[in-house]
Every structure is written in structure tokens, then in C-alpha cells.
Amino acid sequence: MNRDDQNRLADILEFATRLELYVAKGYEEFLAEDGSGLAIERLIELIGEASSHFSEAFKAGIPSVAWKEIAGMRVLLAHAYHRVDFEVVWTAATVSVPELVLQLKKNLI
């Protein structure tokens, strides 16, 4: 099934909503061995994957979004798991993703 930009946008907004639930549990829960860290990482990875498949026209319409960095985070989480900096992941979950959602809503919704 081929997903268009609107489907991918809906996916990102859904993943971001789920991410908020895990972030609300706090940083200590994120770091705990059986905590929400893996779920947070996976949701950020999914956001990166969805964003990397937007059309060039879609991405050009929102130049304020750091599209390459979002895709880069996905690659890091998927392929360099041994180099993941948990503070960077937490900042992505608590700052970068909410900022992305604001930009998407401001420009597209």
C-alpha cells in the first residue's frame, strides 16, 4: 500500500500523541531498565521513517523543519543502537517532536 503525504502526516501526529503518554511518565521511568525508553525510541524512529518518505514538495513547503536531522535520528536509532545518547533521545521526545508537531500543524492543518 502506497502512503501519501497526508497519511504520513497522520501517522506522525499519531506517533507524537503516543509519545506524549510515555514522556508524561518522566525521565526516571524513561531510564529505568523496564521503563518506557524503548517505546520512546521506537516512536521517534517511526516519526523519522514517516518523515523521510514525504514528497520533496511537501518538505519544501515547510523549510523550517530539519528534515535531514529527523531522518538522521531514525538511522541512528535503527542502526547504531550502541551509540544512542539517552539525553539526546529524551530531548528529541520532549522538545524536538513537540516542535515538529507545532510546525506541521501551523503550516498544514
PDB file of N, CA and C in Angstrom:
ATOM      1  N   MET A   1       0.846  -1.181   0.000  1.00  0.00           N
ATOM      2  CA  MET A   1       0.000   0.000   0.000  1.00  0.00           C
ATOM      3  C   MET A   1       0.893   1.245   0.000  1.00  0.00           C
ATOM      4  N   ASN A   2       0.685   2.096  -0.949  1.00  0.00           N
ATOM      5  CA  ASN A   2       1.453   3.329  -1.055  1.00  0.00           C
ATOM      6  C   ASN A   2       0.816   4.405  -0.190  1.00  0.00           C
ATOM      7  N   ARG A   3       1.596   5.024   0.672  1.00  0.00           N
ATOM      8  CA  ARG A   3       1.073   6.041   1.581  1.00  0.00           C
ATOM      9  C   ARG A   3       1.448   7.409   1.048  1.00  0.00           C
ATOM     10  N   ASP A   4       0.480   8.307   1.004  1.00  0.00           N
ATOM     11  CA  ASP A   4       0.755   9.653   0.526  1.00  0.00           C
ATOM     12  C   ASP A   4       1.146  10.553   1.700  1.00  0.00           C
ATOM     13  N   ASP A   5       1.439  11.805   1.379  1.00  0.00           N
ATOM     14  CA  ASP A   5       1.892  12.755   2.396  1.00  0.00           C
ATOM     15  C   ASP A   5       0.875  12.924   3.522  1.00  0.00           C
ATOM     16  N   GLN A   6      -0.401  12.944   3.196  1.00  0.00           N
ATOM     17  CA  GLN A   6      -1.417  13.128   4.231  1.00  0.00           C
ATOM     18  C   GLN A   6      -1.479  11.937   5.179  1.00  0.00           C
ATOM     19  N   ASN A   7      -1.304  10.733   4.646  1.00  0.00           N
ATOM     20  CA  ASN A   7      -1.255   9.541   5.502  1.00  0.00           C
ATOM     21  C   ASN A   7      -0.037   9.582   6.418  1.00  0.00           C
ATOM     22  N   ARG A   8       1.082   9.983   5.876  1.00  0.00           N
ATOM     23  CA  ARG A   8       2.305  10.062   6.679  1.00  0.00           C
ATOM     24  C   ARG A   8       2.185  11.152   7.740  1.00  0.00           C
ATOM     25  N   LEU A   9       1.558  12.249   7.384  1.00  0.00           N
ATOM     26  CA  LEU A   9       1.318  13.309   8.363  1.00  0.00           C
ATOM     27  C   LEU A   9       0.445  12.785   9.501  1.00  0.00           C
ATOM     28  N   ALA A  10      -0.608  12.078   9.156  1.00  0.00           N
ATOM     29  CA  ALA A  10      -1.481  11.497  10.181  1.00  0.00           C
ATOM     30  C   ALA A  10      -0.711  10.507  11.050  1.00  0.00           C
ATOM     31  N   ASP A  11       0.172   9.723  10.436  1.00  0.00           N
ATOM     32  CA  ASP A  11       0.987   8.783  11.206  1.00  0.00           C
ATOM     33  C   ASP A  11       1.854   9.515  12.216  1.00  0.00           C
ATOM     34  N   ILE A  12       2.539  10.557  11.768  1.00  0.00           N
ATOM     35  CA  ILE A  12       3.427  11.308  12.659  1.00  0.00           C
ATOM     36  C   ILE A  12       2.647  11.903  13.820  1.00  0.00           C
ATOM     37  N   LEU A  13       1.493  12.454  13.548  1.00  0.00           N
ATOM     38  CA  LEU A  13       0.693  13.040  14.626  1.00  0.00           C
ATOM     39  C   LEU A  13       0.232  11.966  15.609  1.00  0.00           C
ATOM     40  N   GLU A  14      -0.094  10.793  15.107  1.00  0.00           N
ATOM     41  CA  GLU A  14      -0.476   9.688  15.994  1.00  0.00           C
ATOM     42  C   GLU A  14       0.712   9.231  16.845  1.00  0.00           C
ATOM     43  N   PHE A  15       1.865   9.066  16.217  1.00  0.00           N
ATOM     44  CA  PHE A  15       3.057   8.649  16.962  1.00  0.00           C
ATOM     45  C   PHE A  15       3.423   9.686  18.023  1.00  0.00           C
ATOM     46  N   ALA A  16       3.294  10.954  17.679  1.00  0.00           N
ATOM     47  CA  ALA A  16       3.614  12.024  18.633  1.00  0.00           C
ATOM     48  C   ALA A  16       2.649  12.007  19.811  1.00  0.00           C
ATOM     49  N   THR A  17       1.388  11.715  19.567  1.00  0.00           N
ATOM     50  CA  THR A  17       0.405  11.620  20.648  1.00  0.00           C
ATOM     51  C   THR A  17       0.747  10.463  21.577  1.00  0.00           C
ATOM     52  N   ARG A  18       1.121   9.341  21.008  1.00  0.00           N
ATOM     53  CA  ARG A  18       1.538   8.194  21.831  1.00  0.00           C
ATOM     54  C   ARG A  18       2.797   8.524  22.626  1.00  0.00           C
ATOM     55  N   LEU A  19       3.713   9.235  21.980  1.00  0.00           N
ATOM     56  CA  LEU A  19       4.959   9.621  22.633  1.00  0.00           C
ATOM     57  C   LEU A  19       4.692  10.469  23.875  1.00  0.00           C
ATOM     58  N   GLU A  20       3.738  11.380  23.780  1.00  0.00           N
ATOM     59  CA  GLU A  20       3.382  12.227  24.921  1.00  0.00           C
ATOM     60  C   GLU A  20       3.004  11.394  26.143  1.00  0.00           C
ATOM     61  N   LEU A  21       2.336  10.283  25.936  1.00  0.00           N
ATOM     62  CA  LEU A  21       1.924   9.424  27.046  1.00  0.00           C
ATOM     63  C   LEU A  21       3.131   8.846  27.781  1.00  0.00           C
ATOM     64  N   TYR A  22       4.132   8.451  27.033  1.00  0.00           N
ATOM     65  CA  TYR A  22       5.342   7.912  27.654  1.00  0.00           C
ATOM     66  C   TYR A  22       6.174   9.004  28.315  1.00  0.00           C
ATOM     67  N   VAL A  23       6.281  10.140  27.665  1.00  0.00           N
ATOM     68  CA  VAL A  23       7.038  11.257  28.228  1.00  0.00           C
ATOM     69  C   VAL A  23       6.419  11.711  29.544  1.00  0.00           C
ATOM     70  N   ALA A  24       5.099  11.670  29.629  1.00  0.00           N
ATOM     71  CA  ALA A  24       4.406  12.095  30.851  1.00  0.00           C
ATOM     72  C   ALA A  24       4.806  11.265  32.064  1.00  0.00           C
ATOM     73  N   LYS A  25       5.342  10.073  31.839  1.00  0.00           N
ATOM     74  CA  LYS A  25       5.774   9.218  32.945  1.00  0.00           C
ATOM     75  C   LYS A  25       7.078   9.712  33.570  1.00  0.00           C
ATOM     76  N   GLY A  26       7.810  10.554  32.845  1.00  0.00           N
ATOM     77  CA  GLY A  26       9.004  11.173  33.392  1.00  0.00           C
ATOM     78  C   GLY A  26      10.317  10.543  32.963  1.00  0.00           C
ATOM     79  N   TYR A  27      11.368  11.282  33.224  1.00  0.00           N
ATOM     80  CA  TYR A  27      12.720  10.903  32.811  1.00  0.00           C
ATOM     81  C   TYR A  27      13.209   9.649  33.527  1.00  0.00           C
ATOM     82  N   GLU A  28      12.919   9.525  34.803  1.00  0.00           N
ATOM     83  CA  GLU A  28      13.371   8.342  35.551  1.00  0.00           C
ATOM     84  C   GLU A  28      12.745   7.066  34.994  1.00  0.00           C
ATOM     85  N   GLU A  29      11.480   7.132  34.629  1.00  0.00           N
ATOM     86  CA  GLU A  29      10.807   5.976  34.020  1.00  0.00           C
ATOM     87  C   GLU A  29      11.424   5.661  32.656  1.00  0.00           C
ATOM     88  N   PHE A  30      11.767   6.702  31.925  1.00  0.00           N
ATOM     89  CA  PHE A  30      12.420   6.544  30.633  1.00  0.00           C
ATOM     90  C   PHE A  30      13.738   5.775  30.786  1.00  0.00           C
ATOM     91  N   LEU A  31      14.502   6.087  31.834  1.00  0.00           N
ATOM     92  CA  LEU A  31      15.807   5.466  32.049  1.00  0.00           C
ATOM     93  C   LEU A  31      15.747   4.097  32.720  1.00  0.00           C
ATOM     94  N   ALA A  32      14.641   3.788  33.386  1.00  0.00           N
ATOM     95  CA  ALA A  32      14.530   2.525  34.118  1.00  0.00           C
ATOM     96  C   ALA A  32      14.717   1.334  33.183  1.00  0.00           C
ATOM     97  N   GLU A  33      15.298   0.266  33.706  1.00  0.00           N
ATOM     98  CA  GLU A  33      15.592  -0.913  32.896  1.00  0.00           C
ATOM     99  C   GLU A  33      14.348  -1.454  32.183  1.00  0.00           C
ATOM    100  N   ASP A  34      13.243  -1.519  32.891  1.00  0.00           N
ATOM    101  CA  ASP A  34      11.996  -1.988  32.299  1.00  0.00           C
ATOM    102  C   ASP A  34      11.056  -0.823  32.007  1.00  0.00           C
ATOM    103  N   GLY A  35      11.619   0.341  31.809  1.00  0.00           N
ATOM    104  CA  GLY A  35      10.826   1.554  31.625  1.00  0.00           C
ATOM    105  C   GLY A  35      10.386   1.775  30.192  1.00  0.00           C
ATOM    106  N   SER A  36      10.049   2.992  29.920  1.00  0.00           N
ATOM    107  CA  SER A  36       9.448   3.355  28.638  1.00  0.00           C
ATOM    108  C   SER A  36      10.469   3.770  27.585  1.00  0.00           C
ATOM    109  N   GLY A  37      11.746   3.636  27.892  1.00  0.00           N
ATOM    110  CA  GLY A  37      12.790   4.083  26.967  1.00  0.00           C
ATOM    111  C   GLY A  37      12.707   3.484  25.581  1.00  0.00           C
ATOM    112  N   LEU A  38      12.510   2.177  25.502  1.00  0.00           N
ATOM    113  CA  LEU A  38      12.445   1.537  24.187  1.00  0.00           C
ATOM    114  C   LEU A  38      11.229   1.991  23.390  1.00  0.00           C
ATOM    115  N   ALA A  39      10.116   2.189  24.067  1.00  0.00           N
ATOM    116  CA  ALA A  39       8.914   2.675  23.370  1.00  0.00           C
ATOM    117  C   ALA A  39       9.150   4.080  22.831  1.00  0.00           C
ATOM    118  N   ILE A  40       9.782   4.914  23.626  1.00  0.00           N
ATOM    119  CA  ILE A  40      10.078   6.279  23.191  1.00  0.00           C
ATOM    120  C   ILE A  40      11.026   6.253  21.997  1.00  0.00           C
ATOM    121  N   GLU A  41      12.070   5.451  22.091  1.00  0.00           N
ATOM    122  CA  GLU A  41      12.999   5.334  20.965  1.00  0.00           C
ATOM    123  C   GLU A  41      12.274   4.875  19.705  1.00  0.00           C
ATOM    124  N   ARG A  42      11.438   3.867  19.845  1.00  0.00           N
ATOM    125  CA  ARG A  42      10.737   3.323  18.670  1.00  0.00           C
ATOM    126  C   ARG A  42       9.800   4.346  18.042  1.00  0.00           C
ATOM    127  N   LEU A  43       9.089   5.095  18.857  1.00  0.00           N
ATOM    128  CA  LEU A  43       8.179   6.105  18.314  1.00  0.00           C
ATOM    129  C   LEU A  43       8.944   7.206  17.588  1.00  0.00           C
ATOM    130  N   ILE A  44      10.086   7.600  18.126  1.00  0.00           N
ATOM    131  CA  ILE A  44      10.919   8.595  17.435  1.00  0.00           C
ATOM    132  C   ILE A  44      11.438   8.009  16.122  1.00  0.00           C
ATOM    133  N   GLU A  45      11.813   6.748  16.150  1.00  0.00           N
ATOM    134  CA  GLU A  45      12.261   6.075  14.931  1.00  0.00           C
ATOM    135  C   GLU A  45      11.147   6.068  13.878  1.00  0.00           C
ATOM    136  N   LEU A  46       9.927   5.760  14.294  1.00  0.00           N
ATOM    137  CA  LEU A  46       8.792   5.744  13.359  1.00  0.00           C
ATOM    138  C   LEU A  46       8.496   7.126  12.793  1.00  0.00           C
ATOM    139  N   ILE A  47       8.615   8.145  13.622  1.00  0.00           N
ATOM    140  CA  ILE A  47       8.430   9.520  13.142  1.00  0.00           C
ATOM    141  C   ILE A  47       9.482   9.836  12.083  1.00  0.00           C
ATOM    142  N   GLY A  48      10.715   9.438  12.347  1.00  0.00           N
ATOM    143  CA  GLY A  48      11.778   9.656  11.369  1.00  0.00           C
ATOM    144  C   GLY A  48      11.542   8.910  10.073  1.00  0.00           C
ATOM    145  N   GLU A  49      11.075   7.684  10.180  1.00  0.00           N
ATOM    146  CA  GLU A  49      10.792   6.892   8.982  1.00  0.00           C
ATOM    147  C   GLU A  49       9.678   7.533   8.160  1.00  0.00           C
ATOM    148  N   ALA A  50       8.599   7.909   8.819  1.00  0.00           N
ATOM    149  CA  ALA A  50       7.487   8.546   8.099  1.00  0.00           C
ATOM    150  C   ALA A  50       7.926   9.853   7.447  1.00  0.00           C
ATOM    151  N   SER A  51       8.699  10.643   8.172  1.00  0.00           N
ATOM    152  CA  SER A  51       9.113  11.942   7.633  1.00  0.00           C
ATOM    153  C   SER A  51      10.071  11.799   6.459  1.00  0.00           C
ATOM    154  N   SER A  52      10.830  10.715   6.424  1.00  0.00           N
ATOM    155  CA  SER A  52      11.785  10.541   5.327  1.00  0.00           C
ATOM    156  C   SER A  52      11.097  10.174   4.013  1.00  0.00           C
ATOM    157  N   HIS A  53       9.828   9.836   4.078  1.00  0.00           N
ATOM    158  CA  HIS A  53       9.102   9.452   2.869  1.00  0.00           C
ATOM    159  C   HIS A  53       8.137  10.524   2.363  1.00  0.00           C
ATOM    160  N   PHE A  54       8.158  11.697   2.992  1.00  0.00           N
ATOM    161  CA  PHE A  54       7.360  12.796   2.449  1.00  0.00           C
ATOM    162  C   PHE A  54       7.904  13.166   1.070  1.00  0.00           C
ATOM    163  N   SER A  55       7.033  13.666   0.227  1.00  0.00           N
ATOM    164  CA  SER A  55       7.481  14.138  -1.082  1.00  0.00           C
ATOM    165  C   SER A  55       8.376  15.367  -0.897  1.00  0.00           C
ATOM    166  N   GLU A  56       9.215  15.614  -1.883  1.00  0.00           N
ATOM    167  CA  GLU A  56      10.087  16.791  -1.824  1.00  0.00           C
ATOM    168  C   GLU A  56       9.255  18.077  -1.786  1.00  0.00           C
ATOM    169  N   ALA A  57       8.134  18.086  -2.471  1.00  0.00           N
ATOM    170  CA  ALA A  57       7.260  19.262  -2.466  1.00  0.00           C
ATOM    171  C   ALA A  57       6.705  19.522  -1.065  1.00  0.00           C
ATOM    172  N   PHE A  58       6.327  18.469  -0.370  1.00  0.00           N
ATOM    173  CA  PHE A  58       5.816  18.597   0.992  1.00  0.00           C
ATOM    174  C   PHE A  58       6.887  19.197   1.890  1.00  0.00           C
ATOM    175  N   LYS A  59       8.095  18.620   1.838  1.00  0.00           N
ATOM    176  CA  LYS A  59       9.186  19.104   2.691  1.00  0.00           C
ATOM    177  C   LYS A  59       9.575  20.535   2.340  1.00  0.00           C
ATOM    178  N   ALA A  60       9.566  20.864   1.061  1.00  0.00           N
ATOM    179  CA  ALA A  60       9.915  22.226   0.646  1.00  0.00           C
ATOM    180  C   ALA A  60       8.892  23.239   1.157  1.00  0.00           C
ATOM    181  N   GLY A  61       7.669  22.782   1.381  1.00  0.00           N
ATOM    182  CA  GLY A  61       6.622  23.668   1.880  1.00  0.00           C
ATOM    183  C   GLY A  61       6.789  24.042   3.338  1.00  0.00           C
ATOM    184  N   ILE A  62       7.655  23.319   4.049  1.00  0.00           N
ATOM    185  CA  ILE A  62       7.922  23.624   5.459  1.00  0.00           C
ATOM    186  C   ILE A  62       9.440  23.618   5.656  1.00  0.00           C
ATOM    187  N   PRO A  63      10.122  24.630   5.136  1.00  0.00           N
ATOM    188  CA  PRO A  63      11.587  24.641   5.207  1.00  0.00           C
ATOM    189  C   PRO A  63      12.139  24.811   6.621  1.00  0.00           C
ATOM    190  N   SER A  64      11.303  25.220   7.558  1.00  0.00           N
ATOM    191  CA  SER A  64      11.771  25.409   8.933  1.00  0.00           C
ATOM    192  C   SER A  64      11.984  24.091   9.675  1.00  0.00           C
ATOM    193  N   VAL A  65      11.515  22.989   9.105  1.00  0.00           N
ATOM    194  CA  VAL A  65      11.690  21.672   9.728  1.00  0.00           C
ATOM    195  C   VAL A  65      13.034  21.091   9.279  1.00  0.00           C
ATOM    196  N   ALA A  66      13.780  20.555  10.221  1.00  0.00           N
ATOM    197  CA  ALA A  66      15.096  19.959   9.952  1.00  0.00           C
ATOM    198  C   ALA A  66      14.913  18.516   9.477  1.00  0.00           C
ATOM    199  N   TRP A  67      14.467  18.366   8.247  1.00  0.00           N
ATOM    200  CA  TRP A  67      14.120  17.050   7.718  1.00  0.00           C
ATOM    201  C   TRP A  67      15.291  16.073   7.755  1.00  0.00           C
ATOM    202  N   LYS A  68      16.486  16.523   7.392  1.00  0.00           N
ATOM    203  CA  LYS A  68      17.653  15.631   7.374  1.00  0.00           C
ATOM    204  C   LYS A  68      18.003  15.155   8.784  1.00  0.00           C
ATOM    205  N   GLU A  69      17.873  16.025   9.762  1.00  0.00           N
ATOM    206  CA  GLU A  69      18.182  15.649  11.137  1.00  0.00           C
ATOM    207  C   GLU A  69      17.179  14.630  11.679  1.00  0.00           C
ATOM    208  N   ILE A  70      15.929  14.798  11.296  1.00  0.00           N
ATOM    209  CA  ILE A  70      14.902  13.840  11.725  1.00  0.00           C
ATOM    210  C   ILE A  70      15.211  12.464  11.147  1.00  0.00           C
ATOM    211  N   ALA A  71      15.538  12.424   9.869  1.00  0.00           N
ATOM    212  CA  ALA A  71      15.905  11.156   9.238  1.00  0.00           C
ATOM    213  C   ALA A  71      17.191  10.599   9.843  1.00  0.00           C
ATOM    214  N   GLY A  72      18.124  11.477  10.172  1.00  0.00           N
ATOM    215  CA  GLY A  72      19.375  11.048  10.783  1.00  0.00           C
ATOM    216  C   GLY A  72      19.164  10.397  12.142  1.00  0.00           C
ATOM    217  N   MET A  73      18.232  10.929  12.919  1.00  0.00           N
ATOM    218  CA  MET A  73      17.923  10.331  14.215  1.00  0.00           C
ATOM    219  C   MET A  73      17.354   8.937  14.022  1.00  0.00           C
ATOM    220  N   ARG A  74      16.518   8.761  13.029  1.00  0.00           N
ATOM    221  CA  ARG A  74      15.955   7.444  12.746  1.00  0.00           C
ATOM    222  C   ARG A  74      17.056   6.447  12.404  1.00  0.00           C
ATOM    223  N   VAL A  75      17.993   6.862  11.572  1.00  0.00           N
ATOM    224  CA  VAL A  75      19.096   5.984  11.195  1.00  0.00           C
ATOM    225  C   VAL A  75      19.917   5.616  12.428  1.00  0.00           C
ATOM    226  N   LEU A  76      20.198   6.577  13.258  1.00  0.00           N
ATOM    227  CA  LEU A  76      20.959   6.317  14.477  1.00  0.00           C
ATOM    228  C   LEU A  76      20.250   5.291  15.363  1.00  0.00           C
ATOM    229  N   LEU A  77      18.968   5.501  15.593  1.00  0.00           N
ATOM    230  CA  LEU A  77      18.224   4.593  16.463  1.00  0.00           C
ATOM    231  C   LEU A  77      18.104   3.189  15.867  1.00  0.00           C
ATOM    232  N   ALA A  78      17.954   3.119  14.565  1.00  0.00           N
ATOM    233  CA  ALA A  78      17.765   1.816  13.919  1.00  0.00           C
ATOM    234  C   ALA A  78      19.066   1.055  13.697  1.00  0.00           C
ATOM    235  N   HIS A  79      20.140   1.776  13.446  1.00  0.00           N
ATOM    236  CA  HIS A  79      21.358   1.096  13.012  1.00  0.00           C
ATOM    237  C   HIS A  79      22.565   1.285  13.922  1.00  0.00           C
ATOM    238  N   ALA A  80      22.509   2.231  14.825  1.00  0.00           N
ATOM    239  CA  ALA A  80      23.659   2.477  15.706  1.00  0.00           C
ATOM    240  C   ALA A  80      23.198   2.491  17.156  1.00  0.00           C
ATOM    241  N   TYR A  81      22.363   1.512  17.497  1.00  0.00           N
ATOM    242  CA  TYR A  81      21.766   1.437  18.824  1.00  0.00           C
ATOM    243  C   TYR A  81      22.803   1.506  19.943  1.00  0.00           C
ATOM    244  N   HIS A  82      23.990   1.043  19.679  1.00  0.00           N
ATOM    245  CA  HIS A  82      25.051   1.038  20.691  1.00  0.00           C
ATOM    246  C   HIS A  82      25.626   2.430  20.954  1.00  0.00           C
ATOM    247  N   ARG A  83      25.288   3.400  20.095  1.00  0.00           N
ATOM    248  CA  ARG A  83      25.786   4.767  20.260  1.00  0.00           C
ATOM    249  C   ARG A  83      24.694   5.746  20.678  1.00  0.00           C
ATOM    250  N   VAL A  84      23.546   5.251  21.072  1.00  0.00           N
ATOM    251  CA  VAL A  84      22.431   6.121  21.420  1.00  0.00           C
ATOM    252  C   VAL A  84      22.725   6.860  22.723  1.00  0.00           C
ATOM    253  N   ASP A  85      22.578   8.172  22.676  1.00  0.00           N
ATOM    254  CA  ASP A  85      22.729   9.023  23.858  1.00  0.00           C
ATOM    255  C   ASP A  85      21.322   9.272  24.394  1.00  0.00           C
ATOM    256  N   PHE A  86      21.055   8.769  25.601  1.00  0.00           N
ATOM    257  CA  PHE A  86      19.703   8.838  26.144  1.00  0.00           C
ATOM    258  C   PHE A  86      19.237  10.272  26.381  1.00  0.00           C
ATOM    259  N   GLU A  87      20.144  11.159  26.695  1.00  0.00           N
ATOM    260  CA  GLU A  87      19.756  12.560  26.872  1.00  0.00           C
ATOM    261  C   GLU A  87      19.295  13.168  25.549  1.00  0.00           C
ATOM    262  N   VAL A  88      19.950  12.788  24.464  1.00  0.00           N
ATOM    263  CA  VAL A  88      19.551  13.272  23.143  1.00  0.00           C
ATOM    264  C   VAL A  88      18.166  12.730  22.782  1.00  0.00           C
ATOM    265  N   VAL A  89      17.930  11.459  23.074  1.00  0.00           N
ATOM    266  CA  VAL A  89      16.616  10.860  22.803  1.00  0.00           C
ATOM    267  C   VAL A  89      15.544  11.560  23.632  1.00  0.00           C
ATOM    268  N   TRP A  90      15.834  11.804  24.909  1.00  0.00           N
ATOM    269  CA  TRP A  90      14.859  12.472  25.776  1.00  0.00           C
ATOM    270  C   TRP A  90      14.569  13.883  25.265  1.00  0.00           C
ATOM    271  N   THR A  91      15.600  14.594  24.837  1.00  0.00           N
ATOM    272  CA  THR A  91      15.401  15.938  24.287  1.00  0.00           C
ATOM    273  C   THR A  91      14.569  15.875  23.005  1.00  0.00           C
ATOM    274  N   ALA A  92      14.831  14.880  22.183  1.00  0.00           N
ATOM    275  CA  ALA A  92      14.016  14.716  20.966  1.00  0.00           C
ATOM    276  C   ALA A  92      12.559  14.486  21.329  1.00  0.00           C
ATOM    277  N   ALA A  93      12.329  13.643  22.345  1.00  0.00           N
ATOM    278  CA  ALA A  93      10.954  13.307  22.750  1.00  0.00           C
ATOM    279  C   ALA A  93      10.232  14.471  23.400  1.00  0.00           C
ATOM    280  N   THR A  94      10.964  15.286  24.152  1.00  0.00           N
ATOM    281  CA  THR A  94      10.313  16.347  24.934  1.00  0.00           C
ATOM    282  C   THR A  94      10.371  17.721  24.289  1.00  0.00           C
ATOM    283  N   VAL A  95      11.291  17.901  23.344  1.00  0.00           N
ATOM    284  CA  VAL A  95      11.438  19.218  22.710  1.00  0.00           C
ATOM    285  C   VAL A  95      11.246  19.134  21.193  1.00  0.00           C
ATOM    286  N   SER A  96      12.052  18.300  20.551  1.00  0.00           N
ATOM    287  CA  SER A  96      12.065  18.272  19.082  1.00  0.00           C
ATOM    288  C   SER A  96      10.757  17.779  18.471  1.00  0.00           C
ATOM    289  N   VAL A  97      10.215  16.691  18.992  1.00  0.00           N
ATOM    290  CA  VAL A  97       8.961  16.177  18.436  1.00  0.00           C
ATOM    291  C   VAL A  97       7.808  17.150  18.681  1.00  0.00           C
ATOM    292  N   PRO A  98       7.648  17.698  19.885  1.00  0.00           N
ATOM    293  CA  PRO A  98       6.586  18.699  20.051  1.00  0.00           C
ATOM    294  C   PRO A  98       6.755  19.911  19.132  1.00  0.00           C
ATOM    295  N   GLU A  99       8.002  20.337  18.909  1.00  0.00           N
ATOM    296  CA  GLU A  99       8.242  21.443  17.973  1.00  0.00           C
ATOM    297  C   GLU A  99       7.864  21.047  16.554  1.00  0.00           C
ATOM    298  N   LEU A 100       8.179  19.821  16.168  1.00  0.00           N
ATOM    299  CA  LEU A 100       7.797  19.326  14.843  1.00  0.00           C
ATOM    300  C   LEU A 100       6.287  19.350  14.685  1.00  0.00           C
ATOM    301  N   VAL A 101       5.580  18.865  15.681  1.00  0.00           N
ATOM    302  CA  VAL A 101       4.115  18.849  15.629  1.00  0.00           C
ATOM    303  C   VAL A 101       3.572  20.270  15.476  1.00  0.00           C
ATOM    304  N   LEU A 102       4.121  21.207  16.227  1.00  0.00           N
ATOM    305  CA  LEU A 102       3.682  22.604  16.099  1.00  0.00           C
ATOM    306  C   LEU A 102       3.899  23.129  14.689  1.00  0.00           C
ATOM    307  N   GLN A 103       5.072  22.848  14.116  1.00  0.00           N
ATOM    308  CA  GLN A 103       5.358  23.292  12.757  1.00  0.00           C
ATOM    309  C   GLN A 103       4.402  22.664  11.750  1.00  0.00           C
ATOM    310  N   LEU A 104       4.155  21.379  11.902  1.00  0.00           N
ATOM    311  CA  LEU A 104       3.244  20.702  10.977  1.00  0.00           C
ATOM    312  C   LEU A 104       1.831  21.277  11.081  1.00  0.00           C
ATOM    313  N   LYS A 105       1.366  21.452  12.306  1.00  0.00           N
ATOM    314  CA  LYS A 105       0.016  21.987  12.489  1.00  0.00           C
ATOM    315  C   LYS A 105      -0.082  23.428  12.000  1.00  0.00           C
ATOM    316  N   LYS A 106       0.934  24.213  12.277  1.00  0.00           N
ATOM    317  CA  LYS A 106       0.941  25.628  11.883  1.00  0.00           C
ATOM    318  C   LYS A 106       0.905  25.773  10.359  1.00  0.00           C
ATOM    319  N   ASN A 107       1.601  24.900   9.660  1.00  0.00           N
ATOM    320  CA  ASN A 107       1.746  25.049   8.220  1.00  0.00           C
ATOM    321  C   ASN A 107       0.789  24.220   7.392  1.00  0.00           C
ATOM    322  N   LEU A 108       0.213  23.186   7.983  1.00  0.00           N
ATOM    323  CA  LEU A 108      -0.548  22.262   7.147  1.00  0.00           C
ATOM    324  C   LEU A 108      -1.957  21.948   7.598  1.00  0.00           C
ATOM    325  N   ILE A 109      -2.221  22.100   8.842  1.00  0.00           N
ATOM    326  CA  ILE A 109      -3.516  21.644   9.328  1.00  0.00           C
ATOM    327  C   ILE A 109      -4.432  22.829   9.558  1.00  0.00           C
TER     328      ILE A 109
END
